[in-house]
Each structure stands twice: as C-alpha cells, then as structure tokens.
Amino acid sequence: MAALTIRHVDDAIKQALRIRAAQHGVSMEEEVRRILREALLRAPNAQPLGQRLKQRFAEVADADFELPARRPPRTPPNWDDRP
C-alpha cells in the first residue's frame, strides 16, 4: 500500500477530523481513509451536469416547454481603438 502525507492542513480541519475519528472509534488515519474511499467511490456514479439539470427540472420543462430564440452574440468592444 502507498503512503500519503498531507501538509498545511488547517488546525480547525485537523481538530474536526480528530473529533470525527473519535466519534467513529477509529484513528485519524483510518478516518481519512474512510473519507477518501467514500468520496472517490461515489464520484464515478455522478451524473453529468446536463442530466442532473434535466432531472431536476423535469416537472417544469415538459414537452410544451419552448426555448427562447437565440440571438447572435453582441460585438465585443475594441479597447485598442479608444480616442
């Protein structure tokens, strides 16, 4: 197994980690392993943003929902030709 060293952790974060580990009856090291495992195993299952938005607004954006017409973007100002 690999070893990992994390530097410059805020004192408040370290204290919160120590308390959380104590609440779970494990060492701080084991608590960090659990947190990382949970965060990384959950990440691949996350839906892409478009799918999450579609799911969240499914009740509002039904088949009758019409997107507004798109307009061409405005011409950006040319800051090089200032008077």
C-alpha atoms as a PDB file:
ATOM      1  CA  MET A   1       0.000   0.000   0.000  1.00  0.00           C
ATOM      2  CA  ALA A   2       1.108   3.557  -0.664  1.00  0.00           C
ATOM      3  CA  ALA A   3       1.763   6.184   1.971  1.00  0.00           C
ATOM      4  CA  LEU A   4       0.359   9.695   1.688  1.00  0.00           C
ATOM      5  CA  THR A   5       1.495  12.820   3.517  1.00  0.00           C
ATOM      6  CA  ILE A   6      -0.700  15.900   3.561  1.00  0.00           C
ATOM      7  CA  ARG A   7       0.894  19.173   4.628  1.00  0.00           C
ATOM      8  CA  HIS A   8      -0.560  22.554   5.564  1.00  0.00           C
ATOM      9  CA  VAL A   9      -3.884  21.297   6.927  1.00  0.00           C
ATOM     10  CA  ASP A  10      -5.724  23.982   8.891  1.00  0.00           C
ATOM     11  CA  ASP A  11      -5.814  23.402  12.635  1.00  0.00           C
ATOM     12  CA  ALA A  12      -9.628  23.578  12.593  1.00  0.00           C
ATOM     13  CA  ILE A  13      -9.797  20.821   9.965  1.00  0.00           C
ATOM     14  CA  LYS A  14      -7.389  18.649  11.928  1.00  0.00           C
ATOM     15  CA  GLN A  15      -9.418  19.143  15.103  1.00  0.00           C
ATOM     16  CA  ALA A  16     -12.669  18.311  13.310  1.00  0.00           C
ATOM     17  CA  LEU A  17     -11.043  15.196  11.865  1.00  0.00           C
ATOM     18  CA  ARG A  18      -9.822  14.161  15.312  1.00  0.00           C
ATOM     19  CA  ILE A  19     -13.346  14.562  16.746  1.00  0.00           C
ATOM     20  CA  ARG A  20     -14.959  12.691  13.855  1.00  0.00           C
ATOM     21  CA  ALA A  21     -12.477   9.839  14.211  1.00  0.00           C
ATOM     22  CA  ALA A  22     -13.158   9.632  17.942  1.00  0.00           C
ATOM     23  CA  GLN A  23     -16.924   9.550  17.298  1.00  0.00           C
ATOM     24  CA  HIS A  24     -16.407   6.593  14.972  1.00  0.00           C
ATOM     25  CA  GLY A  25     -13.951   4.915  17.325  1.00  0.00           C
ATOM     26  CA  VAL A  26     -11.071   4.857  14.848  1.00  0.00           C
ATOM     27  CA  SER A  27      -7.744   6.608  14.388  1.00  0.00           C
ATOM     28  CA  MET A  28      -7.473   9.828  12.407  1.00  0.00           C
ATOM     29  CA  GLU A  29      -5.595   7.905   9.748  1.00  0.00           C
ATOM     30  CA  GLU A  30      -8.413   5.368   9.383  1.00  0.00           C
ATOM     31  CA  GLU A  31     -10.999   8.159   9.307  1.00  0.00           C
ATOM     32  CA  VAL A  32      -9.131   9.860   6.448  1.00  0.00           C
ATOM     33  CA  ARG A  33      -9.019   6.549   4.561  1.00  0.00           C
ATOM     34  CA  ARG A  34     -12.771   6.150   5.011  1.00  0.00           C
ATOM     35  CA  ILE A  35     -13.478   9.711   3.873  1.00  0.00           C
ATOM     36  CA  LEU A  36     -11.309   9.335   0.778  1.00  0.00           C
ATOM     37  CA  ARG A  37     -12.762   5.927  -0.071  1.00  0.00           C
ATOM     38  CA  GLU A  38     -16.339   7.209   0.237  1.00  0.00           C
ATOM     39  CA  ALA A  39     -15.648  10.354  -1.797  1.00  0.00           C
ATOM     40  CA  LEU A  40     -13.827   8.553  -4.587  1.00  0.00           C
ATOM     41  CA  LEU A  41     -16.155   5.594  -4.894  1.00  0.00           C
ATOM     42  CA  ARG A  42     -19.126   7.937  -5.103  1.00  0.00           C
ATOM     43  CA  ALA A  43     -17.587  10.225  -7.768  1.00  0.00           C
ATOM     44  CA  PRO A  44     -17.809   7.931 -10.863  1.00  0.00           C
ATOM     45  CA  ASN A  45     -21.537   7.463 -10.326  1.00  0.00           C
ATOM     46  CA  ALA A  46     -22.213  11.184 -10.504  1.00  0.00           C
ATOM     47  CA  GLN A  47     -24.368  12.179 -13.450  1.00  0.00           C
ATOM     48  CA  PRO A  48     -23.175  14.777 -15.921  1.00  0.00           C
ATOM     49  CA  LEU A  49     -24.472  18.296 -15.295  1.00  0.00           C
ATOM     50  CA  GLY A  50     -26.924  18.244 -18.204  1.00  0.00           C
ATOM     51  CA  GLN A  51     -28.599  15.077 -16.965  1.00  0.00           C
ATOM     52  CA  ARG A  52     -28.808  16.411 -13.408  1.00  0.00           C
ATOM     53  CA  LEU A  53     -30.425  19.637 -14.638  1.00  0.00           C
ATOM     54  CA  LYS A  54     -32.867  17.740 -16.839  1.00  0.00           C
ATOM     55  CA  GLN A  55     -33.836  15.518 -13.918  1.00  0.00           C
ATOM     56  CA  ARG A  56     -34.166  18.430 -11.502  1.00  0.00           C
ATOM     57  CA  PHE A  57     -36.437  20.467 -13.782  1.00  0.00           C
ATOM     58  CA  ALA A  58     -38.369  17.556 -15.315  1.00  0.00           C
ATOM     59  CA  GLU A  59     -41.666  18.750 -13.808  1.00  0.00           C
ATOM     60  CA  VAL A  60     -41.278  22.279 -15.148  1.00  0.00           C
ATOM     61  CA  ALA A  61     -39.677  21.621 -18.524  1.00  0.00           C
ATOM     62  CA  ASP A  62     -42.161  19.251 -20.084  1.00  0.00           C
ATOM     63  CA  ALA A  63     -42.768  18.628 -23.799  1.00  0.00           C
ATOM     64  CA  ASP A  64     -44.539  22.004 -24.135  1.00  0.00           C
ATOM     65  CA  PHE A  65     -41.501  23.905 -22.890  1.00  0.00           C
ATOM     66  CA  GLU A  66     -40.116  26.187 -25.580  1.00  0.00           C
ATOM     67  CA  LEU A  67     -36.608  27.557 -25.540  1.00  0.00           C
ATOM     68  CA  PRO A  68     -36.337  31.248 -26.348  1.00  0.00           C
ATOM     69  CA  ALA A  69     -34.870  32.095 -29.738  1.00  0.00           C
ATOM     70  CA  ARG A  70     -31.131  32.553 -29.733  1.00  0.00           C
ATOM     71  CA  ARG A  71     -29.636  35.848 -30.734  1.00  0.00           C
ATOM     72  CA  PRO A  72     -26.220  36.352 -32.245  1.00  0.00           C
ATOM     73  CA  PRO A  73     -23.690  37.481 -29.664  1.00  0.00           C
ATOM     74  CA  ARG A  74     -23.009  41.200 -29.486  1.00  0.00           C
ATOM     75  CA  THR A  75     -19.759  42.544 -30.858  1.00  0.00           C
ATOM     76  CA  PRO A  76     -17.275  42.980 -28.035  1.00  0.00           C
ATOM     77  CA  PRO A  77     -15.795  46.439 -27.519  1.00  0.00           C
ATOM     78  CA  ASN A  78     -12.484  47.135 -29.179  1.00  0.00           C
ATOM     79  CA  TRP A  79     -10.361  48.629 -26.410  1.00  0.00           C
ATOM     80  CA  ASP A  80      -7.390  49.196 -28.692  1.00  0.00           C
ATOM     81  CA  ASP A  81      -9.125  51.941 -30.747  1.00  0.00           C
ATOM     82  CA  ARG A  82     -10.006  54.250 -27.854  1.00  0.00           C
ATOM     83  CA  PRO A  83      -9.925  58.000 -28.605  1.00  0.00           C
END
